[in-house]
């Protein structure tokens, strides 16, 4: 299953932003921490398959496993094949979880 960020619901985008503490449009930017964002993306994708899947389980994925799940490349980028802001209105949520 290839990851398509344009298929995320607004609630899923909000959850990714809350968990990662980054705006969804920061995916792939140089100098931006990637591990927490990658784990957050794994979390929302896996929750679609298994509503009981927990964030701590996502953190146990290797980088290769996470990139394979979301369709990223093997060079450590957390970039997605589609523009992650295409379905979002650009608002950043300042809520913390």
Foldseek 3Di string as FASTA:
>chain_A
DAADLLPDDPVLQLQLCQQQVHHPQCAQPPPRDDLRSLLSVVQVLVCVVPVVDDSVVSSPDDLVRSCVSHVHDPPNGRDHPYRNCPNPPPDHDPDHD
